[in-house]
Amino acid sequence: MEEKPLLFKKKGFPTIRVFDKYFEIKAVDYWEFRVFEYAQVKDIIYYDPNKKWWNKLYILTSFTAQIFAKDDPWILKVIKANGGDWDYKISPISDPYFRKVIGIIKNKINKDLK
């Protein structure tokens, strides 16, 4: 019998399927899933790119950037152990189930790192 994944699917977020040995992510603007084995992933994080110091300088100097920065997408970053990384755009609106799914993935990554 095939394993049933934990599924996260919501508008503005990539679709995420979590399995025992790996997880899959499908970007908002893409049609197929990318597979990540937990043993090959160093970390998974999400952040507001507007909070980076170089963007703060731009936002401080640009009135237009100040107005639209709140609506800019956040980034979900999968950092692989081999040094590669994958970025996915996510909604800037917080979602508790999304945070829970990312927490589950982080726990599985940490178990494989030990």
PDB file of N, CA and C in Angstrom:
ATOM      1  N   MET A   1       0.839  -1.186   0.000  1.00  0.00           N
ATOM      2  CA  MET A   1       0.000   0.000   0.000  1.00  0.00           C
ATOM      3  C   MET A   1       0.887   1.253   0.000  1.00  0.00           C
ATOM      4  N   GLU A   2       0.496   2.237  -0.778  1.00  0.00           N
ATOM      5  CA  GLU A   2       1.283   3.460  -0.909  1.00  0.00           C
ATOM      6  C   GLU A   2       1.093   4.368   0.308  1.00  0.00           C
ATOM      7  N   GLU A   3       2.182   4.969   0.737  1.00  0.00           N
ATOM      8  CA  GLU A   3       2.181   5.872   1.880  1.00  0.00           C
ATOM      9  C   GLU A   3       1.386   7.134   1.551  1.00  0.00           C
ATOM     10  N   LYS A   4       0.497   7.537   2.462  1.00  0.00           N
ATOM     11  CA  LYS A   4      -0.287   8.759   2.270  1.00  0.00           C
ATOM     12  C   LYS A   4       0.492   9.932   2.884  1.00  0.00           C
ATOM     13  N   PRO A   5       0.775  10.962   2.080  1.00  0.00           N
ATOM     14  CA  PRO A   5       1.586  12.084   2.596  1.00  0.00           C
ATOM     15  C   PRO A   5       0.769  13.059   3.426  1.00  0.00           C
ATOM     16  N   LEU A   6       1.475  13.797   4.270  1.00  0.00           N
ATOM     17  CA  LEU A   6       0.912  14.978   4.912  1.00  0.00           C
ATOM     18  C   LEU A   6       0.927  16.049   3.838  1.00  0.00           C
ATOM     19  N   LEU A   7      -0.189  16.700   3.602  1.00  0.00           N
ATOM     20  CA  LEU A   7      -0.304  17.635   2.480  1.00  0.00           C
ATOM     21  C   LEU A   7      -0.591  19.044   2.977  1.00  0.00           C
ATOM     22  N   PHE A   8       0.161  20.010   2.444  1.00  0.00           N
ATOM     23  CA  PHE A   8      -0.143  21.425   2.658  1.00  0.00           C
ATOM     24  C   PHE A   8      -0.375  22.048   1.292  1.00  0.00           C
ATOM     25  N   LYS A   9      -1.559  22.605   1.110  1.00  0.00           N
ATOM     26  CA  LYS A   9      -1.896  23.266  -0.156  1.00  0.00           C
ATOM     27  C   LYS A   9      -2.790  24.449   0.162  1.00  0.00           C
ATOM     28  N   LYS A  10      -2.274  25.646  -0.126  1.00  0.00           N
ATOM     29  CA  LYS A  10      -3.025  26.869   0.127  1.00  0.00           C
ATOM     30  C   LYS A  10      -2.582  27.925  -0.879  1.00  0.00           C
ATOM     31  N   LYS A  11      -3.519  28.733  -1.322  1.00  0.00           N
ATOM     32  CA  LYS A  11      -3.210  29.781  -2.294  1.00  0.00           C
ATOM     33  C   LYS A  11      -2.121  30.709  -1.749  1.00  0.00           C
ATOM     34  N   GLY A  12      -1.153  31.009  -2.607  1.00  0.00           N
ATOM     35  CA  GLY A  12      -0.058  31.897  -2.233  1.00  0.00           C
ATOM     36  C   GLY A  12       1.150  31.171  -1.662  1.00  0.00           C
ATOM     37  N   PHE A  13       1.036  29.859  -1.462  1.00  0.00           N
ATOM     38  CA  PHE A  13       2.117  29.051  -0.908  1.00  0.00           C
ATOM     39  C   PHE A  13       2.434  27.912  -1.872  1.00  0.00           C
ATOM     40  N   PRO A  14       3.680  27.411  -1.844  1.00  0.00           N
ATOM     41  CA  PRO A  14       3.960  26.212  -2.631  1.00  0.00           C
ATOM     42  C   PRO A  14       3.222  25.016  -2.012  1.00  0.00           C
ATOM     43  N   THR A  15       2.890  24.042  -2.832  1.00  0.00           N
ATOM     44  CA  THR A  15       2.281  22.813  -2.332  1.00  0.00           C
ATOM     45  C   THR A  15       3.393  21.936  -1.774  1.00  0.00           C
ATOM     46  N   ILE A  16       3.166  21.405  -0.560  1.00  0.00           N
ATOM     47  CA  ILE A  16       4.185  20.592   0.108  1.00  0.00           C
ATOM     48  C   ILE A  16       3.564  19.251   0.479  1.00  0.00           C
ATOM     49  N   ARG A  17       4.270  18.174   0.127  1.00  0.00           N
ATOM     50  CA  ARG A  17       3.872  16.828   0.535  1.00  0.00           C
ATOM     51  C   ARG A  17       5.005  16.248   1.372  1.00  0.00           C
ATOM     52  N   VAL A  18       4.664  15.777   2.584  1.00  0.00           N
ATOM     53  CA  VAL A  18       5.657  15.259   3.521  1.00  0.00           C
ATOM     54  C   VAL A  18       5.476  13.747   3.652  1.00  0.00           C
ATOM     55  N   PHE A  19       6.550  13.003   3.353  1.00  0.00           N
ATOM     56  CA  PHE A  19       6.580  11.552   3.475  1.00  0.00           C
ATOM     57  C   PHE A  19       7.573  11.175   4.572  1.00  0.00           C
ATOM     58  N   ASP A  20       7.705   9.866   4.853  1.00  0.00           N
ATOM     59  CA  ASP A  20       8.629   9.416   5.897  1.00  0.00           C
ATOM     60  C   ASP A  20      10.096   9.672   5.559  1.00  0.00           C
ATOM     61  N   LYS A  21      10.497   9.431   4.317  1.00  0.00           N
ATOM     62  CA  LYS A  21      11.910   9.521   3.930  1.00  0.00           C
ATOM     63  C   LYS A  21      12.259  10.777   3.138  1.00  0.00           C
ATOM     64  N   TYR A  22      11.261  11.496   2.682  1.00  0.00           N
ATOM     65  CA  TYR A  22      11.501  12.669   1.844  1.00  0.00           C
ATOM     66  C   TYR A  22      10.284  13.591   1.875  1.00  0.00           C
ATOM     67  N   PHE A  23      10.462  14.800   1.317  1.00  0.00           N
ATOM     68  CA  PHE A  23       9.336  15.715   1.122  1.00  0.00           C
ATOM     69  C   PHE A  23       9.427  16.277  -0.285  1.00  0.00           C
ATOM     70  N   GLU A  24       8.307  16.770  -0.766  1.00  0.00           N
ATOM     71  CA  GLU A  24       8.229  17.318  -2.116  1.00  0.00           C
ATOM     72  C   GLU A  24       7.629  18.715  -2.052  1.00  0.00           C
ATOM     73  N   ILE A  25       8.128  19.598  -2.912  1.00  0.00           N
ATOM     74  CA  ILE A  25       7.606  20.958  -2.989  1.00  0.00           C
ATOM     75  C   ILE A  25       7.323  21.288  -4.453  1.00  0.00           C
ATOM     76  N   LYS A  26       6.161  21.877  -4.680  1.00  0.00           N
ATOM     77  CA  LYS A  26       5.805  22.363  -6.013  1.00  0.00           C
ATOM     78  C   LYS A  26       5.575  23.864  -5.892  1.00  0.00           C
ATOM     79  N   ALA A  27       6.370  24.632  -6.612  1.00  0.00           N
ATOM     80  CA  ALA A  27       6.278  26.096  -6.561  1.00  0.00           C
ATOM     81  C   ALA A  27       4.915  26.567  -7.064  1.00  0.00           C
ATOM     82  N   VAL A  28       4.541  27.757  -6.647  1.00  0.00           N
ATOM     83  CA  VAL A  28       3.271  28.357  -7.048  1.00  0.00           C
ATOM     84  C   VAL A  28       3.171  28.453  -8.567  1.00  0.00           C
ATOM     85  N   ASP A  29       4.270  28.793  -9.208  1.00  0.00           N
ATOM     86  CA  ASP A  29       4.272  29.023 -10.655  1.00  0.00           C
ATOM     87  C   ASP A  29       4.929  27.891 -11.452  1.00  0.00           C
ATOM     88  N   TYR A  30       4.883  26.668 -10.921  1.00  0.00           N
ATOM     89  CA  TYR A  30       5.501  25.529 -11.594  1.00  0.00           C
ATOM     90  C   TYR A  30       4.552  24.343 -11.553  1.00  0.00           C
ATOM     91  N   TRP A  31       4.721  23.366 -12.441  1.00  0.00           N
ATOM     92  CA  TRP A  31       3.747  22.285 -12.575  1.00  0.00           C
ATOM     93  C   TRP A  31       4.185  20.949 -12.001  1.00  0.00           C
ATOM     94  N   GLU A  32       5.442  20.814 -11.568  1.00  0.00           N
ATOM     95  CA  GLU A  32       5.840  19.525 -11.016  1.00  0.00           C
ATOM     96  C   GLU A  32       6.565  19.687  -9.688  1.00  0.00           C
ATOM     97  N   PHE A  33       6.558  18.596  -8.934  1.00  0.00           N
ATOM     98  CA  PHE A  33       7.170  18.589  -7.610  1.00  0.00           C
ATOM     99  C   PHE A  33       8.665  18.327  -7.703  1.00  0.00           C
ATOM    100  N   ARG A  34       9.419  18.935  -6.796  1.00  0.00           N
ATOM    101  CA  ARG A  34      10.841  18.650  -6.624  1.00  0.00           C
ATOM    102  C   ARG A  34      10.956  17.835  -5.333  1.00  0.00           C
ATOM    103  N   VAL A  35      11.721  16.749  -5.395  1.00  0.00           N
ATOM    104  CA  VAL A  35      11.864  15.828  -4.270  1.00  0.00           C
ATOM    105  C   VAL A  35      13.135  16.159  -3.491  1.00  0.00           C
ATOM    106  N   PHE A  36      13.000  16.203  -2.155  1.00  0.00           N
ATOM    107  CA  PHE A  36      14.141  16.438  -1.253  1.00  0.00           C
ATOM    108  C   PHE A  36      14.173  15.314  -0.223  1.00  0.00           C
ATOM    109  N   GLU A  37      15.242  14.530  -0.217  1.00  0.00           N
ATOM    110  CA  GLU A  37      15.426  13.524   0.823  1.00  0.00           C
ATOM    111  C   GLU A  37      15.960  14.224   2.070  1.00  0.00           C
ATOM    112  N   TYR A  38      15.442  13.839   3.241  1.00  0.00           N
ATOM    113  CA  TYR A  38      15.847  14.507   4.484  1.00  0.00           C
ATOM    114  C   TYR A  38      17.358  14.429   4.703  1.00  0.00           C
ATOM    115  N   ALA A  39      17.962  13.297   4.342  1.00  0.00           N
ATOM    116  CA  ALA A  39      19.406  13.110   4.551  1.00  0.00           C
ATOM    117  C   ALA A  39      20.232  14.069   3.698  1.00  0.00           C
ATOM    118  N   GLN A  40      19.665  14.605   2.627  1.00  0.00           N
ATOM    119  CA  GLN A  40      20.392  15.498   1.733  1.00  0.00           C
ATOM    120  C   GLN A  40      20.146  16.975   2.032  1.00  0.00           C
ATOM    121  N   VAL A  41      19.296  17.267   3.020  1.00  0.00           N
ATOM    122  CA  VAL A  41      18.936  18.650   3.326  1.00  0.00           C
ATOM    123  C   VAL A  41      19.557  19.059   4.654  1.00  0.00           C
ATOM    124  N   LYS A  42      20.196  20.223   4.656  1.00  0.00           N
ATOM    125  CA  LYS A  42      20.814  20.757   5.870  1.00  0.00           C
ATOM    126  C   LYS A  42      19.811  21.559   6.689  1.00  0.00           C
ATOM    127  N   ASP A  43      18.943  22.333   6.014  1.00  0.00           N
ATOM    128  CA  ASP A  43      17.976  23.165   6.736  1.00  0.00           C
ATOM    129  C   ASP A  43      16.870  23.614   5.784  1.00  0.00           C
ATOM    130  N   ILE A  44      15.759  24.016   6.372  1.00  0.00           N
ATOM    131  CA  ILE A  44      14.675  24.645   5.626  1.00  0.00           C
ATOM    132  C   ILE A  44      14.226  25.848   6.449  1.00  0.00           C
ATOM    133  N   ILE A  45      14.206  27.016   5.812  1.00  0.00           N
ATOM    134  CA  ILE A  45      13.868  28.247   6.527  1.00  0.00           C
ATOM    135  C   ILE A  45      12.912  29.074   5.672  1.00  0.00           C
ATOM    136  N   TYR A  46      12.221  29.996   6.322  1.00  0.00           N
ATOM    137  CA  TYR A  46      11.447  30.989   5.575  1.00  0.00           C
ATOM    138  C   TYR A  46      11.693  32.338   6.225  1.00  0.00           C
ATOM    139  N   TYR A  47      11.689  33.375   5.395  1.00  0.00           N
ATOM    140  CA  TYR A  47      12.035  34.696   5.901  1.00  0.00           C
ATOM    141  C   TYR A  47      11.477  35.777   4.995  1.00  0.00           C
ATOM    142  N   ASP A  48      11.453  36.978   5.542  1.00  0.00           N
ATOM    143  CA  ASP A  48      11.035  38.165   4.803  1.00  0.00           C
ATOM    144  C   ASP A  48      12.290  38.779   4.174  1.00  0.00           C
ATOM    145  N   PRO A  49      12.412  38.737   2.850  1.00  0.00           N
ATOM    146  CA  PRO A  49      13.626  39.283   2.230  1.00  0.00           C
ATOM    147  C   PRO A  49      13.773  40.790   2.425  1.00  0.00           C
ATOM    148  N   ASN A  50      12.689  41.479   2.763  1.00  0.00           N
ATOM    149  CA  ASN A  50      12.758  42.920   2.997  1.00  0.00           C
ATOM    150  C   ASN A  50      13.429  43.257   4.319  1.00  0.00           C
ATOM    151  N   LYS A  51      13.644  42.275   5.163  1.00  0.00           N
ATOM    152  CA  LYS A  51      14.306  42.505   6.446  1.00  0.00           C
ATOM    153  C   LYS A  51      15.828  42.389   6.342  1.00  0.00           C
ATOM    154  N   LYS A  52      16.340  42.042   5.176  1.00  0.00           N
ATOM    155  CA  LYS A  52      17.785  41.982   4.967  1.00  0.00           C
ATOM    156  C   LYS A  52      18.330  43.408   4.918  1.00  0.00           C
ATOM    157  N   TRP A  53      19.544  43.608   5.377  1.00  0.00           N
ATOM    158  CA  TRP A  53      20.086  44.961   5.519  1.00  0.00           C
ATOM    159  C   TRP A  53      20.154  45.713   4.191  1.00  0.00           C
ATOM    160  N   TRP A  54      20.493  45.015   3.087  1.00  0.00           N
ATOM    161  CA  TRP A  54      20.612  45.717   1.809  1.00  0.00           C
ATOM    162  C   TRP A  54      19.251  46.176   1.291  1.00  0.00           C
ATOM    163  N   ASN A  55      18.201  45.447   1.609  1.00  0.00           N
ATOM    164  CA  ASN A  55      16.860  45.876   1.211  1.00  0.00           C
ATOM    165  C   ASN A  55      16.358  47.022   2.086  1.00  0.00           C
ATOM    166  N   LYS A  56      16.768  47.031   3.355  1.00  0.00           N
ATOM    167  CA  LYS A  56      16.368  48.129   4.239  1.00  0.00           C
ATOM    168  C   LYS A  56      16.900  49.462   3.721  1.00  0.00           C
ATOM    169  N   LEU A  57      18.130  49.457   3.195  1.00  0.00           N
ATOM    170  CA  LEU A  57      18.686  50.687   2.633  1.00  0.00           C
ATOM    171  C   LEU A  57      17.860  51.176   1.457  1.00  0.00           C
ATOM    172  N   TYR A  58      17.452  50.248   0.587  1.00  0.00           N
ATOM    173  CA  TYR A  58      16.645  50.608  -0.579  1.00  0.00           C
ATOM    174  C   TYR A  58      15.275  51.127  -0.140  1.00  0.00           C
ATOM    175  N   ILE A  59      14.663  50.440   0.814  1.00  0.00           N
ATOM    176  CA  ILE A  59      13.325  50.838   1.265  1.00  0.00           C
ATOM    177  C   ILE A  59      13.372  52.210   1.939  1.00  0.00           C
ATOM    178  N   LEU A  60      14.435  52.480   2.692  1.00  0.00           N
ATOM    179  CA  LEU A  60      14.558  53.785   3.351  1.00  0.00           C
ATOM    180  C   LEU A  60      14.662  54.921   2.339  1.00  0.00           C
ATOM    181  N   THR A  61      15.270  54.639   1.190  1.00  0.00           N
ATOM    182  CA  THR A  61      15.491  55.697   0.205  1.00  0.00           C
ATOM    183  C   THR A  61      14.403  55.783  -0.854  1.00  0.00           C
ATOM    184  N   SER A  62      13.474  54.819  -0.866  1.00  0.00           N
ATOM    185  CA  SER A  62      12.460  54.804  -1.909  1.00  0.00           C
ATOM    186  C   SER A  62      11.059  54.788  -1.304  1.00  0.00           C
ATOM    187  N   PHE A  63      10.303  55.844  -1.552  1.00  0.00           N
ATOM    188  CA  PHE A  63       8.934  55.942  -1.047  1.00  0.00           C
ATOM    189  C   PHE A  63       8.053  54.848  -1.632  1.00  0.00           C
ATOM    190  N   THR A  64       8.200  54.559  -2.913  1.00  0.00           N
ATOM    191  CA  THR A  64       7.409  53.509  -3.561  1.00  0.00           C
ATOM    192  C   THR A  64       7.692  52.155  -2.933  1.00  0.00           C
ATOM    193  N   ALA A  65       8.945  51.875  -2.663  1.00  0.00           N
ATOM    194  CA  ALA A  65       9.310  50.600  -2.042  1.00  0.00           C
ATOM    195  C   ALA A  65       8.693  50.480  -0.660  1.00  0.00           C
ATOM    196  N   GLN A  66       8.595  51.575   0.074  1.00  0.00           N
ATOM    197  CA  GLN A  66       7.978  51.546   1.398  1.00  0.00           C
ATOM    198  C   GLN A  66       6.511  51.151   1.317  1.00  0.00           C
ATOM    199  N   ILE A  67       5.825  51.625   0.302  1.00  0.00           N
ATOM    200  CA  ILE A  67       4.399  51.348   0.162  1.00  0.00           C
ATOM    201  C   ILE A  67       4.154  49.875  -0.173  1.00  0.00           C
ATOM    202  N   PHE A  68       4.929  49.323  -1.101  1.00  0.00           N
ATOM    203  CA  PHE A  68       4.669  47.976  -1.590  1.00  0.00           C
ATOM    204  C   PHE A  68       5.431  46.875  -0.874  1.00  0.00           C
ATOM    205  N   ALA A  69       6.364  47.180  -0.007  1.00  0.00           N
ATOM    206  CA  ALA A  69       7.188  46.169   0.649  1.00  0.00           C
ATOM    207  C   ALA A  69       6.357  45.211   1.496  1.00  0.00           C
ATOM    208  N   LYS A  70       5.260  45.683   2.082  1.00  0.00           N
ATOM    209  CA  LYS A  70       4.433  44.832   2.937  1.00  0.00           C
ATOM    210  C   LYS A  70       3.792  43.696   2.150  1.00  0.00           C
ATOM    211  N   ASP A  71       3.572  43.891   0.863  1.00  0.00           N
ATOM    212  CA  ASP A  71       2.904  42.887   0.037  1.00  0.00           C
ATOM    213  C   ASP A  71       3.870  41.982  -0.709  1.00  0.00           C
ATOM    214  N   ASP A  72       5.161  42.229  -0.611  1.00  0.00           N
ATOM    215  CA  ASP A  72       6.142  41.404  -1.306  1.00  0.00           C
ATOM    216  C   ASP A  72       6.136  39.995  -0.719  1.00  0.00           C
ATOM    217  N   PRO A  73       6.337  38.983  -1.568  1.00  0.00           N
ATOM    218  CA  PRO A  73       6.347  37.613  -1.054  1.00  0.00           C
ATOM    219  C   PRO A  73       7.560  37.353  -0.161  1.00  0.00           C
ATOM    220  N   TRP A  74       7.385  36.430   0.762  1.00  0.00           N
ATOM    221  CA  TRP A  74       8.483  35.941   1.571  1.00  0.00           C
ATOM    222  C   TRP A  74       9.148  34.811   0.798  1.00  0.00           C
ATOM    223  N   ILE A  75      10.223  34.276   1.350  1.00  0.00           N
ATOM    224  CA  ILE A  75      10.981  33.211   0.701  1.00  0.00           C
ATOM    225  C   ILE A  75      11.034  31.983   1.607  1.00  0.00           C
ATOM    226  N   LEU A  76      10.744  30.825   1.024  1.00  0.00           N
ATOM    227  CA  LEU A  76      10.994  29.534   1.663  1.00  0.00           C
ATOM    228  C   LEU A  76      12.260  28.993   1.004  1.00  0.00           C
ATOM    229  N   LYS A  77      13.287  28.720   1.803  1.00  0.00           N
ATOM    230  CA  LYS A  77      14.582  28.278   1.265  1.00  0.00           C
ATOM    231  C   LYS A  77      14.905  26.885   1.789  1.00  0.00           C
ATOM    232  N   VAL A  78      15.180  25.970   0.863  1.00  0.00           N
ATOM    233  CA  VAL A  78      15.647  24.629   1.195  1.00  0.00           C
ATOM    234  C   VAL A  78      17.151  24.623   0.942  1.00  0.00           C
ATOM    235  N   ILE A  79      17.919  24.388   2.007  1.00  0.00           N
ATOM    236  CA  ILE A  79      19.379  24.410   1.919  1.00  0.00           C
ATOM    237  C   ILE A  79      19.884  22.970   1.954  1.00  0.00           C
ATOM    238  N   LYS A  80      20.501  22.554   0.861  1.00  0.00           N
ATOM    239  CA  LYS A  80      20.983  21.179   0.768  1.00  0.00           C
ATOM    240  C   LYS A  80      22.370  21.053   1.387  1.00  0.00           C
ATOM    241  N   ALA A  81      22.700  19.854   1.827  1.00  0.00           N
ATOM    242  CA  ALA A  81      23.992  19.590   2.463  1.00  0.00           C
ATOM    243  C   ALA A  81      25.149  19.793   1.494  1.00  0.00           C
ATOM    244  N   ASN A  82      24.909  19.648   0.187  1.00  0.00           N
ATOM    245  CA  ASN A  82      25.977  19.812  -0.801  1.00  0.00           C
ATOM    246  C   ASN A  82      26.230  21.280  -1.159  1.00  0.00           C
ATOM    247  N   GLY A  83      25.524  22.200  -0.488  1.00  0.00           N
ATOM    248  CA  GLY A  83      25.742  23.629  -0.717  1.00  0.00           C
ATOM    249  C   GLY A  83      24.716  24.276  -1.628  1.00  0.00           C
ATOM    250  N   GLY A  84      23.926  23.496  -2.324  1.00  0.00           N
ATOM    251  CA  GLY A  84      22.890  24.061  -3.184  1.00  0.00           C
ATOM    252  C   GLY A  84      21.690  24.513  -2.374  1.00  0.00           C
ATOM    253  N   ASP A  85      20.903  25.388  -2.962  1.00  0.00           N
ATOM    254  CA  ASP A  85      19.668  25.770  -2.282  1.00  0.00           C
ATOM    255  C   ASP A  85      18.583  26.061  -3.312  1.00  0.00           C
ATOM    256  N   TRP A  86      17.344  25.974  -2.859  1.00  0.00           N
ATOM    257  CA  TRP A  86      16.171  26.220  -3.693  1.00  0.00           C
ATOM    258  C   TRP A  86      15.294  27.229  -2.983  1.00  0.00           C
ATOM    259  N   ASP A  87      14.848  28.242  -3.710  1.00  0.00           N
ATOM    260  CA  ASP A  87      13.979  29.279  -3.150  1.00  0.00           C
ATOM    261  C   ASP A  87      12.574  29.154  -3.732  1.00  0.00           C
ATOM    262  N   TYR A  88      11.595  29.338  -2.868  1.00  0.00           N
ATOM    263  CA  TYR A  88      10.195  29.326  -3.273  1.00  0.00           C
ATOM    264  C   TYR A  88       9.519  30.553  -2.692  1.00  0.00           C
ATOM    265  N   LYS A  89       8.707  31.231  -3.473  1.00  0.00           N
ATOM    266  CA  LYS A  89       7.950  32.378  -2.981  1.00  0.00           C
ATOM    267  C   LYS A  89       6.772  31.880  -2.150  1.00  0.00           C
ATOM    268  N   ILE A  90       6.562  32.556  -1.003  1.00  0.00           N
ATOM    269  CA  ILE A  90       5.420  32.241  -0.149  1.00  0.00           C
ATOM    270  C   ILE A  90       4.690  33.524   0.202  1.00  0.00           C
ATOM    271  N   SER A  91       3.469  33.379   0.610  1.00  0.00           N
ATOM    272  CA  SER A  91       2.651  34.528   0.991  1.00  0.00           C
ATOM    273  C   SER A  91       3.248  35.228   2.211  1.00  0.00           C
ATOM    274  N   PRO A  92       3.175  36.552   2.264  1.00  0.00           N
ATOM    275  CA  PRO A  92       3.652  37.266   3.453  1.00  0.00           C
ATOM    276  C   PRO A  92       2.670  37.147   4.625  1.00  0.00           C
ATOM    277  N   ILE A  93       1.489  36.586   4.362  1.00  0.00           N
ATOM    278  CA  ILE A  93       0.480  36.400   5.408  1.00  0.00           C
ATOM    279  C   ILE A  93       0.794  35.112   6.152  1.00  0.00           C
ATOM    280  N   SER A  94       0.902  35.192   7.462  1.00  0.00           N
ATOM    281  CA  SER A  94       1.258  34.049   8.292  1.00  0.00           C
ATOM    282  C   SER A  94       0.168  32.972   8.240  1.00  0.00           C
ATOM    283  N   ASP A  95       0.588  31.716   8.229  1.00  0.00           N
ATOM    284  CA  ASP A  95      -0.348  30.599   8.254  1.00  0.00           C
ATOM    285  C   ASP A  95       0.146  29.566   9.270  1.00  0.00           C
ATOM    286  N   PRO A  96      -0.643  29.263  10.301  1.00  0.00           N
ATOM    287  CA  PRO A  96      -0.178  28.347  11.351  1.00  0.00           C
ATOM    288  C   PRO A  96       0.069  26.919  10.851  1.00  0.00           C
ATOM    289  N   TYR A  97      -0.733  26.439   9.910  1.00  0.00           N
ATOM    290  CA  TYR A  97      -0.528  25.081   9.405  1.00  0.00           C
ATOM    291  C   TYR A  97       0.759  25.004   8.580  1.00  0.00           C
ATOM    292  N   PHE A  98       1.071  26.050   7.828  1.00  0.00           N
ATOM    293  CA  PHE A  98       2.332  26.103   7.083  1.00  0.00           C
ATOM    294  C   PHE A  98       3.508  26.021   8.063  1.00  0.00           C
ATOM    295  N   ARG A  99       3.454  26.811   9.143  1.00  0.00           N
ATOM    296  CA  ARG A  99       4.532  26.780  10.151  1.00  0.00           C
ATOM    297  C   ARG A  99       4.662  25.386  10.763  1.00  0.00           C
ATOM    298  N   LYS A 100       3.532  24.725  10.990  1.00  0.00           N
ATOM    299  CA  LYS A 100       3.546  23.374  11.562  1.00  0.00           C
ATOM    300  C   LYS A 100       4.212  22.389  10.599  1.00  0.00           C
ATOM    301  N   VAL A 101       3.863  22.450   9.318  1.00  0.00           N
ATOM    302  CA  VAL A 101       4.448  21.555   8.317  1.00  0.00           C
ATOM    303  C   VAL A 101       5.959  21.782   8.217  1.00  0.00           C
ATOM    304  N   ILE A 102       6.394  23.037   8.204  1.00  0.00           N
ATOM    305  CA  ILE A 102       7.835  23.332   8.154  1.00  0.00           C
ATOM    306  C   ILE A 102       8.520  22.804   9.413  1.00  0.00           C
ATOM    307  N   GLY A 103       7.859  22.912  10.566  1.00  0.00           N
ATOM    308  CA  GLY A 103       8.410  22.364  11.815  1.00  0.00           C
ATOM    309  C   GLY A 103       8.582  20.856  11.746  1.00  0.00           C
ATOM    310  N   ILE A 104       7.615  20.158  11.165  1.00  0.00           N
ATOM    311  CA  ILE A 104       7.710  18.704  10.996  1.00  0.00           C
ATOM    312  C   ILE A 104       8.891  18.351  10.099  1.00  0.00           C
ATOM    313  N   ILE A 105       9.044  19.086   9.007  1.00  0.00           N
ATOM    314  CA  ILE A 105      10.167  18.841   8.092  1.00  0.00           C
ATOM    315  C   ILE A 105      11.490  19.088   8.813  1.00  0.00           C
ATOM    316  N   LYS A 106      11.584  20.190   9.570  1.00  0.00           N
ATOM    317  CA  LYS A 106      12.818  20.498  10.318  1.00  0.00           C
ATOM    318  C   LYS A 106      13.162  19.368  11.284  1.00  0.00           C
ATOM    319  N   ASN A 107      12.160  18.837  11.985  1.00  0.00           N
ATOM    320  CA  ASN A 107      12.405  17.730  12.919  1.00  0.00           C
ATOM    321  C   ASN A 107      12.939  16.499  12.199  1.00  0.00           C
ATOM    322  N   LYS A 108      12.392  16.185  11.041  1.00  0.00           N
ATOM    323  CA  LYS A 108      12.860  15.029  10.271  1.00  0.00           C
ATOM    324  C   LYS A 108      14.282  15.265   9.742  1.00  0.00           C
ATOM    325  N   ILE A 109      14.586  16.497   9.346  1.00  0.00           N
ATOM    326  CA  ILE A 109      15.947  16.824   8.904  1.00  0.00           C
ATOM    327  C   ILE A 109      16.925  16.647  10.061  1.00  0.00           C
ATOM    328  N   ASN A 110      16.563  17.175  11.242  1.00  0.00           N
ATOM    329  CA  ASN A 110      17.439  17.085  12.407  1.00  0.00           C
ATOM    330  C   ASN A 110      17.669  15.642  12.847  1.00  0.00           C
ATOM    331  N   LYS A 111      16.657  14.780  12.714  1.00  0.00           N
ATOM    332  CA  LYS A 111      16.829  13.364  13.056  1.00  0.00           C
ATOM    333  C   LYS A 111      17.815  12.700  12.109  1.00  0.00           C
ATOM    334  N   ASP A 112      17.777  13.059  10.834  1.00  0.00           N
ATOM    335  CA  ASP A 112      18.692  12.474   9.859  1.00  0.00           C
ATOM    336  C   ASP A 112      20.114  13.020   9.996  1.00  0.00           C
ATOM    337  N   LEU A 113      20.260  14.220  10.568  1.00  0.00           N
ATOM    338  CA  LEU A 113      21.605  14.791  10.749  1.00  0.00           C
ATOM    339  C   LEU A 113      22.346  14.132  11.912  1.00  0.00           C
ATOM    340  N   LYS A 114      21.617  13.537  12.843  1.00  0.00           N
ATOM    341  CA  LYS A 114      22.245  12.933  14.035  1.00  0.00           C
ATOM    342  C   LYS A 114      22.831  11.590  13.743  1.00  0.00           C
TER     343      LYS A 114
END
